[in-house]
Amino acid sequence: MNILAYLFVIVGALQFAWIGYDEYRGATQAPSDGSGMILPGLIHKQSEPEIFHNAIVCHSYYASAFLFLGILMLVVDKSMDKSDIESPDFAGNKALDDWAKAMKEVEERQKVHKK
């Protein structure tokens, strides 16, 4: 999962770089129209400023989604490593002790409520 997360982060960052380059040169490729068909041709900033802006926003949405998903996957992976006994990042017995203590407290509360 780590490799896929890093791949998503790299793709998102490259897409943002490409968006910056498109903004600099004043032309971008038309995004997909939703049906899987790509609209033909380039959109130029000078001739079609509103369509160009909408295309850049669409590209930014996809880049943000890839970047956010990659970062989220990395965060989840790191938090899972802390609870995996075979991981070098294992939080140790303190985490297990805290969990066991919390479970005992829950059991005691349930016993009190049953009485």
PDB file of N, CA and C in Angstrom:
ATOM      1  N   MET A   1       0.825  -1.182   0.000  1.00  0.00           N
ATOM      2  CA  MET A   1       0.000   0.000   0.000  1.00  0.00           C
ATOM      3  C   MET A   1       0.876   1.255   0.000  1.00  0.00           C
ATOM      4  N   ASN A   2       2.065   1.150   0.565  1.00  0.00           N
ATOM      5  CA  ASN A   2       2.959   2.290   0.606  1.00  0.00           C
ATOM      6  C   ASN A   2       3.374   2.743  -0.789  1.00  0.00           C
ATOM      7  N   ILE A   3       3.667   1.804  -1.659  1.00  0.00           N
ATOM      8  CA  ILE A   3       4.096   2.144  -3.013  1.00  0.00           C
ATOM      9  C   ILE A   3       2.975   2.852  -3.753  1.00  0.00           C
ATOM     10  N   LEU A   4       1.768   2.358  -3.622  1.00  0.00           N
ATOM     11  CA  LEU A   4       0.626   2.979  -4.284  1.00  0.00           C
ATOM     12  C   LEU A   4       0.387   4.392  -3.740  1.00  0.00           C
ATOM     13  N   ALA A   5       0.545   4.576  -2.448  1.00  0.00           N
ATOM     14  CA  ALA A   5       0.369   5.900  -1.843  1.00  0.00           C
ATOM     15  C   ALA A   5       1.396   6.883  -2.386  1.00  0.00           C
ATOM     16  N   TYR A   6       2.657   6.466  -2.433  1.00  0.00           N
ATOM     17  CA  TYR A   6       3.694   7.343  -2.978  1.00  0.00           C
ATOM     18  C   TYR A   6       3.445   7.631  -4.460  1.00  0.00           C
ATOM     19  N   LEU A   7       2.951   6.635  -5.182  1.00  0.00           N
ATOM     20  CA  LEU A   7       2.627   6.836  -6.589  1.00  0.00           C
ATOM     21  C   LEU A   7       1.528   7.887  -6.753  1.00  0.00           C
ATOM     22  N   PHE A   8       0.492   7.825  -5.905  1.00  0.00           N
ATOM     23  CA  PHE A   8      -0.576   8.826  -5.956  1.00  0.00           C
ATOM     24  C   PHE A   8      -0.047  10.221  -5.644  1.00  0.00           C
ATOM     25  N   VAL A   9       0.830  10.333  -4.651  1.00  0.00           N
ATOM     26  CA  VAL A   9       1.393  11.637  -4.300  1.00  0.00           C
ATOM     27  C   VAL A   9       2.226  12.178  -5.460  1.00  0.00           C
ATOM     28  N   ILE A  10       3.016  11.328  -6.080  1.00  0.00           N
ATOM     29  CA  ILE A  10       3.848  11.762  -7.201  1.00  0.00           C
ATOM     30  C   ILE A  10       2.984  12.183  -8.384  1.00  0.00           C
ATOM     31  N   VAL A  11       1.944  11.396  -8.690  1.00  0.00           N
ATOM     32  CA  VAL A  11       1.056  11.745  -9.802  1.00  0.00           C
ATOM     33  C   VAL A  11       0.359  13.074  -9.534  1.00  0.00           C
ATOM     34  N   GLY A  12      -0.118  13.286  -8.317  1.00  0.00           N
ATOM     35  CA  GLY A  12      -0.766  14.550  -7.964  1.00  0.00           C
ATOM     36  C   GLY A  12       0.177  15.727  -8.090  1.00  0.00           C
ATOM     37  N   ALA A  13       1.412  15.563  -7.608  1.00  0.00           N
ATOM     38  CA  ALA A  13       2.393  16.642  -7.695  1.00  0.00           C
ATOM     39  C   ALA A  13       2.755  16.933  -9.153  1.00  0.00           C
ATOM     40  N   LEU A  14       2.910  15.884  -9.945  1.00  0.00           N
ATOM     41  CA  LEU A  14       3.216  16.095 -11.366  1.00  0.00           C
ATOM     42  C   LEU A  14       2.058  16.766 -12.097  1.00  0.00           C
ATOM     43  N   GLN A  15       0.841  16.412 -11.731  1.00  0.00           N
ATOM     44  CA  GLN A  15      -0.303  17.066 -12.350  1.00  0.00           C
ATOM     45  C   GLN A  15      -0.343  18.552 -12.010  1.00  0.00           C
ATOM     46  N   PHE A  16      -0.024  18.905 -10.762  1.00  0.00           N
ATOM     47  CA  PHE A  16       0.029  20.320 -10.395  1.00  0.00           C
ATOM     48  C   PHE A  16       1.138  21.037 -11.164  1.00  0.00           C
ATOM     49  N   ALA A  17       2.271  20.370 -11.353  1.00  0.00           N
ATOM     50  CA  ALA A  17       3.353  20.967 -12.132  1.00  0.00           C
ATOM     51  C   ALA A  17       2.911  21.176 -13.583  1.00  0.00           C
ATOM     52  N   TRP A  18       2.205  20.203 -14.125  1.00  0.00           N
ATOM     53  CA  TRP A  18       1.716  20.304 -15.500  1.00  0.00           C
ATOM     54  C   TRP A  18       0.679  21.426 -15.622  1.00  0.00           C
ATOM     55  N   ILE A  19      -0.146  21.591 -14.610  1.00  0.00           N
ATOM     56  CA  ILE A  19      -1.133  22.681 -14.613  1.00  0.00           C
ATOM     57  C   ILE A  19      -0.417  24.025 -14.630  1.00  0.00           C
ATOM     58  N   GLY A  20       0.639  24.151 -13.849  1.00  0.00           N
ATOM     59  CA  GLY A  20       1.424  25.383 -13.849  1.00  0.00           C
ATOM     60  C   GLY A  20       2.055  25.651 -15.213  1.00  0.00           C
ATOM     61  N   TYR A  21       2.550  24.598 -15.839  1.00  0.00           N
ATOM     62  CA  TYR A  21       3.129  24.749 -17.174  1.00  0.00           C
ATOM     63  C   TYR A  21       2.057  25.154 -18.189  1.00  0.00           C
ATOM     64  N   ASP A  22       0.876  24.544 -18.094  1.00  0.00           N
ATOM     65  CA  ASP A  22      -0.229  24.914 -18.988  1.00  0.00           C
ATOM     66  C   ASP A  22      -0.628  26.373 -18.789  1.00  0.00           C
ATOM     67  N   GLU A  23      -0.639  26.818 -17.552  1.00  0.00           N
ATOM     68  CA  GLU A  23      -0.980  28.205 -17.255  1.00  0.00           C
ATOM     69  C   GLU A  23       0.076  29.146 -17.842  1.00  0.00           C
ATOM     70  N   TYR A  24       1.327  28.749 -17.744  1.00  0.00           N
ATOM     71  CA  TYR A  24       2.427  29.562 -18.272  1.00  0.00           C
ATOM     72  C   TYR A  24       2.353  29.673 -19.794  1.00  0.00           C
ATOM     73  N   ARG A  25       2.110  28.548 -20.466  1.00  0.00           N
ATOM     74  CA  ARG A  25       2.083  28.580 -21.934  1.00  0.00           C
ATOM     75  C   ARG A  25       0.748  29.069 -22.485  1.00  0.00           C
ATOM     76  N   GLY A  26      -0.299  29.082 -21.662  1.00  0.00           N
ATOM     77  CA  GLY A  26      -1.587  29.626 -22.079  1.00  0.00           C
ATOM     78  C   GLY A  26      -2.452  28.669 -22.869  1.00  0.00           C
ATOM     79  N   ALA A  27      -2.198  27.382 -22.761  1.00  0.00           N
ATOM     80  CA  ALA A  27      -3.011  26.386 -23.458  1.00  0.00           C
ATOM     81  C   ALA A  27      -3.039  25.113 -22.628  1.00  0.00           C
ATOM     82  N   THR A  28      -4.171  24.427 -22.667  1.00  0.00           N
ATOM     83  CA  THR A  28      -4.307  23.170 -21.942  1.00  0.00           C
ATOM     84  C   THR A  28      -5.138  22.198 -22.754  1.00  0.00           C
ATOM     85  N   GLN A  29      -4.976  20.931 -22.445  1.00  0.00           N
ATOM     86  CA  GLN A  29      -5.758  19.887 -23.089  1.00  0.00           C
ATOM     87  C   GLN A  29      -7.152  19.885 -22.477  1.00  0.00           C
ATOM     88  N   ALA A  30      -8.155  19.667 -23.298  1.00  0.00           N
ATOM     89  CA  ALA A  30      -9.530  19.627 -22.802  1.00  0.00           C
ATOM     90  C   ALA A  30      -9.723  18.404 -21.920  1.00  0.00           C
ATOM     91  N   PRO A  31     -10.372  18.560 -20.754  1.00  0.00           N
ATOM     92  CA  PRO A  31     -10.613  17.415 -19.881  1.00  0.00           C
ATOM     93  C   PRO A  31     -11.703  16.515 -20.449  1.00  0.00           C
ATOM     94  N   SER A  32     -11.874  15.377 -19.835  1.00  0.00           N
ATOM     95  CA  SER A  32     -12.915  14.436 -20.238  1.00  0.00           C
ATOM     96  C   SER A  32     -14.287  15.045 -19.999  1.00  0.00           C
ATOM     97  N   ASP A  33     -15.255  14.673 -20.827  1.00  0.00           N
ATOM     98  CA  ASP A  33     -16.607  15.228 -20.677  1.00  0.00           C
ATOM     99  C   ASP A  33     -17.501  14.373 -19.791  1.00  0.00           C
ATOM    100  N   GLY A  34     -16.947  13.337 -19.168  1.00  0.00           N
ATOM    101  CA  GLY A  34     -17.720  12.502 -18.259  1.00  0.00           C
ATOM    102  C   GLY A  34     -18.191  11.203 -18.880  1.00  0.00           C
ATOM    103  N   SER A  35     -18.283  11.159 -20.187  1.00  0.00           N
ATOM    104  CA  SER A  35     -18.751   9.930 -20.837  1.00  0.00           C
ATOM    105  C   SER A  35     -17.581   9.062 -21.289  1.00  0.00           C
ATOM    106  N   GLY A  36     -16.373   9.461 -20.945  1.00  0.00           N
ATOM    107  CA  GLY A  36     -15.209   8.685 -21.330  1.00  0.00           C
ATOM    108  C   GLY A  36     -14.577   9.175 -22.617  1.00  0.00           C
ATOM    109  N   MET A  37     -15.244  10.079 -23.303  1.00  0.00           N
ATOM    110  CA  MET A  37     -14.701  10.614 -24.544  1.00  0.00           C
ATOM    111  C   MET A  37     -13.949  11.908 -24.237  1.00  0.00           C
ATOM    112  N   ILE A  38     -12.780  12.049 -24.803  1.00  0.00           N
ATOM    113  CA  ILE A  38     -11.989  13.256 -24.592  1.00  0.00           C
ATOM    114  C   ILE A  38     -12.379  14.270 -25.660  1.00  0.00           C
ATOM    115  N   LEU A  39     -12.628  15.480 -25.215  1.00  0.00           N
ATOM    116  CA  LEU A  39     -12.964  16.545 -26.145  1.00  0.00           C
ATOM    117  C   LEU A  39     -11.737  16.855 -26.996  1.00  0.00           C
ATOM    118  N   PRO A  40     -11.926  17.134 -28.267  1.00  0.00           N
ATOM    119  CA  PRO A  40     -10.774  17.312 -29.156  1.00  0.00           C
ATOM    120  C   PRO A  40     -10.059  18.639 -28.931  1.00  0.00           C
ATOM    121  N   GLY A  41      -8.750  18.615 -29.124  1.00  0.00           N
ATOM    122  CA  GLY A  41      -7.963  19.815 -29.235  1.00  0.00           C
ATOM    123  C   GLY A  41      -7.521  20.479 -27.954  1.00  0.00           C
ATOM    124  N   LEU A  42      -6.818  21.575 -28.171  1.00  0.00           N
ATOM    125  CA  LEU A  42      -6.316  22.389 -27.083  1.00  0.00           C
ATOM    126  C   LEU A  42      -7.261  23.558 -26.825  1.00  0.00           C
ATOM    127  N   ILE A  43      -7.255  24.001 -25.603  1.00  0.00           N
ATOM    128  CA  ILE A  43      -8.024  25.191 -25.237  1.00  0.00           C
ATOM    129  C   ILE A  43      -7.007  26.289 -24.968  1.00  0.00           C
ATOM    130  N   HIS A  44      -7.118  27.401 -25.664  1.00  0.00           N
ATOM    131  CA  HIS A  44      -6.177  28.513 -25.520  1.00  0.00           C
ATOM    132  C   HIS A  44      -6.765  29.573 -24.599  1.00  0.00           C
ATOM    133  N   LYS A  45      -5.894  30.121 -23.762  1.00  0.00           N
ATOM    134  CA  LYS A  45      -6.316  31.109 -22.773  1.00  0.00           C
ATOM    135  C   LYS A  45      -6.786  32.411 -23.438  1.00  0.00           C
ATOM    136  N   GLN A  46      -6.146  32.809 -24.508  1.00  0.00           N
ATOM    137  CA  GLN A  46      -6.481  34.066 -25.173  1.00  0.00           C
ATOM    138  C   GLN A  46      -7.829  34.010 -25.870  1.00  0.00           C
ATOM    139  N   SER A  47      -8.114  32.904 -26.552  1.00  0.00           N
ATOM    140  CA  SER A  47      -9.341  32.828 -27.344  1.00  0.00           C
ATOM    141  C   SER A  47     -10.558  32.371 -26.541  1.00  0.00           C
ATOM    142  N   GLU A  48     -10.352  31.527 -25.524  1.00  0.00           N
ATOM    143  CA  GLU A  48     -11.468  30.985 -24.730  1.00  0.00           C
ATOM    144  C   GLU A  48     -11.118  31.029 -23.236  1.00  0.00           C
ATOM    145  N   PRO A  49     -11.103  32.220 -22.644  1.00  0.00           N
ATOM    146  CA  PRO A  49     -10.628  32.315 -21.254  1.00  0.00           C
ATOM    147  C   PRO A  49     -11.502  31.578 -20.241  1.00  0.00           C
ATOM    148  N   GLU A  50     -12.815  31.604 -20.414  1.00  0.00           N
ATOM    149  CA  GLU A  50     -13.693  30.940 -19.446  1.00  0.00           C
ATOM    150  C   GLU A  50     -13.573  29.419 -19.540  1.00  0.00           C
ATOM    151  N   ILE A  51     -13.530  28.897 -20.746  1.00  0.00           N
ATOM    152  CA  ILE A  51     -13.374  27.443 -20.926  1.00  0.00           C
ATOM    153  C   ILE A  51     -12.001  27.001 -20.433  1.00  0.00           C
ATOM    154  N   PHE A  52     -10.980  27.823 -20.680  1.00  0.00           N
ATOM    155  CA  PHE A  52      -9.635  27.527 -20.196  1.00  0.00           C
ATOM    156  C   PHE A  52      -9.629  27.468 -18.670  1.00  0.00           C
ATOM    157  N   HIS A  53     -10.256  28.440 -18.026  1.00  0.00           N
ATOM    158  CA  HIS A  53     -10.325  28.461 -16.563  1.00  0.00           C
ATOM    159  C   HIS A  53     -11.039  27.216 -16.041  1.00  0.00           C
ATOM    160  N   ASN A  54     -12.148  26.844 -16.655  1.00  0.00           N
ATOM    161  CA  ASN A  54     -12.891  25.653 -16.232  1.00  0.00           C
ATOM    162  C   ASN A  54     -12.059  24.385 -16.403  1.00  0.00           C
ATOM    163  N   ALA A  55     -11.290  24.314 -17.477  1.00  0.00           N
ATOM    164  CA  ALA A  55     -10.438  23.139 -17.705  1.00  0.00           C
ATOM    165  C   ALA A  55      -9.336  23.068 -16.652  1.00  0.00           C
ATOM    166  N   ILE A  56      -8.749  24.202 -16.309  1.00  0.00           N
ATOM    167  CA  ILE A  56      -7.700  24.229 -15.279  1.00  0.00           C
ATOM    168  C   ILE A  56      -8.275  23.819 -13.924  1.00  0.00           C
ATOM    169  N   VAL A  57      -9.480  24.274 -13.618  1.00  0.00           N
ATOM    170  CA  VAL A  57     -10.133  23.892 -12.362  1.00  0.00           C
ATOM    171  C   VAL A  57     -10.382  22.380 -12.345  1.00  0.00           C
ATOM    172  N   CYS A  58     -10.812  21.841 -13.455  1.00  0.00           N
ATOM    173  CA  CYS A  58     -11.056  20.397 -13.547  1.00  0.00           C
ATOM    174  C   CYS A  58      -9.753  19.614 -13.351  1.00  0.00           C
ATOM    175  N   HIS A  59      -8.685  20.058 -14.016  1.00  0.00           N
ATOM    176  CA  HIS A  59      -7.389  19.400 -13.842  1.00  0.00           C
ATOM    177  C   HIS A  59      -6.919  19.519 -12.389  1.00  0.00           C
ATOM    178  N   SER A  60      -7.160  20.666 -11.762  1.00  0.00           N
ATOM    179  CA  SER A  60      -6.761  20.867 -10.365  1.00  0.00           C
ATOM    180  C   SER A  60      -7.534  19.948  -9.424  1.00  0.00           C
ATOM    181  N   TYR A  61      -8.792  19.716  -9.750  1.00  0.00           N
ATOM    182  CA  TYR A  61      -9.599  18.803  -8.942  1.00  0.00           C
ATOM    183  C   TYR A  61      -8.994  17.398  -8.965  1.00  0.00           C
ATOM    184  N   TYR A  62      -8.648  16.918 -10.150  1.00  0.00           N
ATOM    185  CA  TYR A  62      -8.060  15.582 -10.252  1.00  0.00           C
ATOM    186  C   TYR A  62      -6.707  15.515  -9.547  1.00  0.00           C
ATOM    187  N   ALA A  63      -5.884  16.551  -9.699  1.00  0.00           N
ATOM    188  CA  ALA A  63      -4.580  16.570  -9.039  1.00  0.00           C
ATOM    189  C   ALA A  63      -4.749  16.576  -7.519  1.00  0.00           C
ATOM    190  N   SER A  64      -5.693  17.368  -7.023  1.00  0.00           N
ATOM    191  CA  SER A  64      -5.957  17.422  -5.580  1.00  0.00           C
ATOM    192  C   SER A  64      -6.450  16.076  -5.058  1.00  0.00           C
ATOM    193  N   ALA A  65      -7.297  15.426  -5.830  1.00  0.00           N
ATOM    194  CA  ALA A  65      -7.824  14.128  -5.411  1.00  0.00           C
ATOM    195  C   ALA A  65      -6.703  13.099  -5.294  1.00  0.00           C
ATOM    196  N   PHE A  66      -5.803  13.054  -6.282  1.00  0.00           N
ATOM    197  CA  PHE A  66      -4.683  12.119  -6.216  1.00  0.00           C
ATOM    198  C   PHE A  66      -3.778  12.431  -5.035  1.00  0.00           C
ATOM    199  N   LEU A  67      -3.471  13.701  -4.847  1.00  0.00           N
ATOM    200  CA  LEU A  67      -2.592  14.098  -3.756  1.00  0.00           C
ATOM    201  C   LEU A  67      -3.223  13.788  -2.398  1.00  0.00           C
ATOM    202  N   PHE A  68      -4.487  14.120  -2.217  1.00  0.00           N
ATOM    203  CA  PHE A  68      -5.171  13.862  -0.952  1.00  0.00           C
ATOM    204  C   PHE A  68      -5.259  12.359  -0.677  1.00  0.00           C
ATOM    205  N   LEU A  69      -5.590  11.581  -1.695  1.00  0.00           N
ATOM    206  CA  LEU A  69      -5.704  10.135  -1.503  1.00  0.00           C
ATOM    207  C   LEU A  69      -4.357   9.527  -1.125  1.00  0.00           C
ATOM    208  N   GLY A  70      -3.293   9.976  -1.776  1.00  0.00           N
ATOM    209  CA  GLY A  70      -1.966   9.466  -1.448  1.00  0.00           C
ATOM    210  C   GLY A  70      -1.561   9.794  -0.029  1.00  0.00           C
ATOM    211  N   ILE A  71      -1.801  11.036   0.394  1.00  0.00           N
ATOM    212  CA  ILE A  71      -1.447  11.435   1.758  1.00  0.00           C
ATOM    213  C   ILE A  71      -2.296  10.685   2.773  1.00  0.00           C
ATOM    214  N   LEU A  72      -3.579  10.524   2.485  1.00  0.00           N
ATOM    215  CA  LEU A  72      -4.451   9.777   3.388  1.00  0.00           C
ATOM    216  C   LEU A  72      -3.991   8.325   3.520  1.00  0.00           C
ATOM    217  N   MET A  73      -3.610   7.716   2.416  1.00  0.00           N
ATOM    218  CA  MET A  73      -3.120   6.336   2.467  1.00  0.00           C
ATOM    219  C   MET A  73      -1.839   6.237   3.291  1.00  0.00           C
ATOM    220  N   LEU A  74      -0.957   7.218   3.177  1.00  0.00           N
ATOM    221  CA  LEU A  74       0.274   7.211   3.977  1.00  0.00           C
ATOM    222  C   LEU A  74      -0.027   7.355   5.461  1.00  0.00           C
ATOM    223  N   VAL A  75      -0.957   8.225   5.814  1.00  0.00           N
ATOM    224  CA  VAL A  75      -1.325   8.411   7.226  1.00  0.00           C
ATOM    225  C   VAL A  75      -1.923   7.136   7.799  1.00  0.00           C
ATOM    226  N   VAL A  76      -2.820   6.511   7.052  1.00  0.00           N
ATOM    227  CA  VAL A  76      -3.436   5.272   7.521  1.00  0.00           C
ATOM    228  C   VAL A  76      -2.388   4.175   7.657  1.00  0.00           C
ATOM    229  N   ASP A  77      -1.479   4.092   6.703  1.00  0.00           N
ATOM    230  CA  ASP A  77      -0.438   3.072   6.750  1.00  0.00           C
ATOM    231  C   ASP A  77       0.478   3.266   7.959  1.00  0.00           C
ATOM    232  N   LYS A  78       0.844   4.516   8.236  1.00  0.00           N
ATOM    233  CA  LYS A  78       1.703   4.785   9.396  1.00  0.00           C
ATOM    234  C   LYS A  78       0.993   4.452  10.707  1.00  0.00           C
ATOM    235  N   SER A  79      -0.297   4.755  10.790  1.00  0.00           N
ATOM    236  CA  SER A  79      -1.018   4.442  12.030  1.00  0.00           C
ATOM    237  C   SER A  79      -1.203   2.935  12.191  1.00  0.00           C
ATOM    238  N   MET A  80      -1.326   2.221  11.080  1.00  0.00           N
ATOM    239  CA  MET A  80      -1.450   0.765  11.163  1.00  0.00           C
ATOM    240  C   MET A  80      -0.124   0.128  11.570  1.00  0.00           C
ATOM    241  N   ASP A  81       0.994   0.729  11.161  1.00  0.00           N
ATOM    242  CA  ASP A  81       2.299   0.205  11.539  1.00  0.00           C
ATOM    243  C   ASP A  81       2.515   0.249  13.043  1.00  0.00           C
ATOM    244  N   LYS A  82       1.947   1.232  13.717  1.00  0.00           N
ATOM    245  CA  LYS A  82       2.126   1.347  15.161  1.00  0.00           C
ATOM    246  C   LYS A  82       1.423   0.238  15.926  1.00  0.00           C
ATOM    247  N   SER A  83       0.411  -0.371  15.314  1.00  0.00           N
ATOM    248  CA  SER A  83      -0.309  -1.439  16.005  1.00  0.00           C
ATOM    249  C   SER A  83       0.076  -2.834  15.515  1.00  0.00           C
ATOM    250  N   ASP A  84       0.939  -2.906  14.514  1.00  0.00           N
ATOM    251  CA  ASP A  84       1.381  -4.197  13.980  1.00  0.00           C
ATOM    252  C   ASP A  84       2.586  -4.681  14.774  1.00  0.00           C
ATOM    253  N   ILE A  85       2.481  -5.845  15.370  1.00  0.00           N
ATOM    254  CA  ILE A  85       3.538  -6.368  16.238  1.00  0.00           C
ATOM    255  C   ILE A  85       4.831  -6.598  15.467  1.00  0.00           C
ATOM    256  N   GLU A  86       4.746  -6.995  14.209  1.00  0.00           N
ATOM    257  CA  GLU A  86       5.939  -7.298  13.424  1.00  0.00           C
ATOM    258  C   GLU A  86       6.543  -6.075  12.741  1.00  0.00           C
ATOM    259  N   SER A  87       5.950  -4.925  12.910  1.00  0.00           N
ATOM    260  CA  SER A  87       6.445  -3.701  12.296  1.00  0.00           C
ATOM    261  C   SER A  87       7.565  -3.095  13.125  1.00  0.00           C
ATOM    262  N   PRO A  88       8.572  -2.496  12.481  1.00  0.00           N
ATOM    263  CA  PRO A  88       9.623  -1.835  13.258  1.00  0.00           C
ATOM    264  C   PRO A  88       9.127  -0.575  13.971  1.00  0.00           C
ATOM    265  N   ASP A  89       7.985  -0.047  13.548  1.00  0.00           N
ATOM    266  CA  ASP A  89       7.409   1.146  14.179  1.00  0.00           C
ATOM    267  C   ASP A  89       6.394   0.792  15.269  1.00  0.00           C
ATOM    268  N   PHE A  90       6.387  -0.448  15.706  1.00  0.00           N
ATOM    269  CA  PHE A  90       5.425  -0.903  16.708  1.00  0.00           C
ATOM    270  C   PHE A  90       5.523  -0.049  17.960  1.00  0.00           C
ATOM    271  N   ALA A  91       4.390   0.384  18.476  1.00  0.00           N
ATOM    272  CA  ALA A  91       4.353   1.288  19.617  1.00  0.00           C
ATOM    273  C   ALA A  91       4.779   0.608  20.916  1.00  0.00           C
ATOM    274  N   GLY A  92       4.845  -0.684  20.935  1.00  0.00           N
ATOM    275  CA  GLY A  92       5.329  -1.394  22.104  1.00  0.00           C
ATOM    276  C   GLY A  92       4.224  -1.837  23.036  1.00  0.00           C
ATOM    277  N   ASN A  93       4.637  -2.316  24.176  1.00  0.00           N
ATOM    278  CA  ASN A  93       3.696  -2.857  25.140  1.00  0.00           C
ATOM    279  C   ASN A  93       2.809  -1.789  25.757  1.00  0.00           C
ATOM    280  N   LYS A  94       3.250  -0.547  25.780  1.00  0.00           N
ATOM    281  CA  LYS A  94       2.445   0.519  26.356  1.00  0.00           C
ATOM    282  C   LYS A  94       1.108   0.633  25.631  1.00  0.00           C
ATOM    283  N   ALA A  95       1.130   0.513  24.330  1.00  0.00           N
ATOM    284  CA  ALA A  95      -0.117   0.591  23.567  1.00  0.00           C
ATOM    285  C   ALA A  95      -1.022  -0.583  23.911  1.00  0.00           C
ATOM    286  N   LEU A  96      -0.436  -1.771  24.039  1.00  0.00           N
ATOM    287  CA  LEU A  96      -1.244  -2.935  24.413  1.00  0.00           C
ATOM    288  C   LEU A  96      -1.766  -2.805  25.834  1.00  0.00           C
ATOM    289  N   ASP A  97      -0.922  -2.284  26.738  1.00  0.00           N
ATOM    290  CA  ASP A  97      -1.357  -2.093  28.122  1.00  0.00           C
ATOM    291  C   ASP A  97      -2.492  -1.087  28.209  1.00  0.00           C
ATOM    292  N   ASP A  98      -2.378   0.001  27.453  1.00  0.00           N
ATOM    293  CA  ASP A  98      -3.450   0.998  27.440  1.00  0.00           C
ATOM    294  C   ASP A  98      -4.743   0.402  26.913  1.00  0.00           C
ATOM    295  N   TRP A  99      -4.621  -0.413  25.891  1.00  0.00           N
ATOM    296  CA  TRP A  99      -5.807  -1.053  25.318  1.00  0.00           C
ATOM    297  C   TRP A  99      -6.423  -2.013  26.328  1.00  0.00           C
ATOM    298  N   ALA A 100      -5.588  -2.820  26.988  1.00  0.00           N
ATOM    299  CA  ALA A 100      -6.090  -3.763  27.979  1.00  0.00           C
ATOM    300  C   ALA A 100      -6.742  -3.025  29.146  1.00  0.00           C
ATOM    301  N   LYS A 101      -6.143  -1.924  29.569  1.00  0.00           N
ATOM    302  CA  LYS A 101      -6.708  -1.128  30.647  1.00  0.00           C
ATOM    303  C   LYS A 101      -8.074  -0.560  30.242  1.00  0.00           C
ATOM    304  N   ALA A 102      -8.173  -0.075  29.018  1.00  0.00           N
ATOM    305  CA  ALA A 102      -9.445   0.466  28.527  1.00  0.00           C
ATOM    306  C   ALA A 102     -10.504  -0.628  28.459  1.00  0.00           C
ATOM    307  N   MET A 103     -10.131  -1.825  28.047  1.00  0.00           N
ATOM    308  CA  MET A 103     -11.091  -2.935  27.972  1.00  0.00           C
ATOM    309  C   MET A 103     -11.573  -3.341  29.368  1.00  0.00           C
ATOM    310  N   LYS A 104     -10.665  -3.326  30.351  1.00  0.00           N
ATOM    311  CA  LYS A 104     -11.060  -3.645  31.717  1.00  0.00           C
ATOM    312  C   LYS A 104     -12.033  -2.608  32.261  1.00  0.00           C
ATOM    313  N   GLU A 105     -11.789  -1.341  31.954  1.00  0.00           N
ATOM    314  CA  GLU A 105     -12.704  -0.288  32.392  1.00  0.00           C
ATOM    315  C   GLU A 105     -14.085  -0.453  31.774  1.00  0.00           C
ATOM    316  N   VAL A 106     -14.121  -0.836  30.526  1.00  0.00           N
ATOM    317  CA  VAL A 106     -15.406  -1.062  29.853  1.00  0.00           C
ATOM    318  C   VAL A 106     -16.140  -2.227  30.504  1.00  0.00           C
ATOM    319  N   GLU A 107     -15.417  -3.308  30.803  1.00  0.00           N
ATOM    320  CA  GLU A 107     -16.032  -4.465  31.460  1.00  0.00           C
ATOM    321  C   GLU A 107     -16.577  -4.080  32.834  1.00  0.00           C
ATOM    322  N   GLU A 108     -15.824  -3.280  33.592  1.00  0.00           N
ATOM    323  CA  GLU A 108     -16.275  -2.867  34.917  1.00  0.00           C
ATOM    324  C   GLU A 108     -17.527  -2.003  34.829  1.00  0.00           C
ATOM    325  N   ARG A 109     -17.575  -1.105  33.843  1.00  0.00           N
ATOM    326  CA  ARG A 109     -18.767  -0.276  33.657  1.00  0.00           C
ATOM    327  C   ARG A 109     -19.954  -1.122  33.287  1.00  0.00           C
ATOM    328  N   GLN A 110     -19.751  -2.131  32.467  1.00  0.00           N
ATOM    329  CA  GLN A 110     -20.856  -3.006  32.084  1.00  0.00           C
ATOM    330  C   GLN A 110     -21.351  -3.812  33.289  1.00  0.00           C
ATOM    331  N   LYS A 111     -20.451  -4.250  34.157  1.00  0.00           N
ATOM    332  CA  LYS A 111     -20.845  -4.993  35.358  1.00  0.00           C
ATOM    333  C   LYS A 111     -21.663  -4.108  36.297  1.00  0.00           C
ATOM    334  N   VAL A 112     -21.252  -2.844  36.431  1.00  0.00           N
ATOM    335  CA  VAL A 112     -21.959  -1.911  37.300  1.00  0.00           C
ATOM    336  C   VAL A 112     -23.366  -1.642  36.752  1.00  0.00           C
ATOM    337  N   HIS A 113     -23.496  -1.510  35.443  1.00  0.00           N
ATOM    338  CA  HIS A 113     -24.799  -1.221  34.852  1.00  0.00           C
ATOM    339  C   HIS A 113     -25.721  -2.437  34.900  1.00  0.00           C
ATOM    340  N   LYS A 114     -25.181  -3.631  34.964  1.00  0.00           N
ATOM    341  CA  LYS A 114     -26.014  -4.836  35.028  1.00  0.00           C
ATOM    342  C   LYS A 114     -26.629  -4.995  36.420  1.00  0.00           C
ATOM    343  N   LYS A 115     -25.979  -4.473  37.418  1.00  0.00           N
ATOM    344  CA  LYS A 115     -26.473  -4.624  38.801  1.00  0.00           C
ATOM    345  C   LYS A 115     -27.607  -3.746  39.064  1.00  0.00           C
TER     346      LYS A 115
END
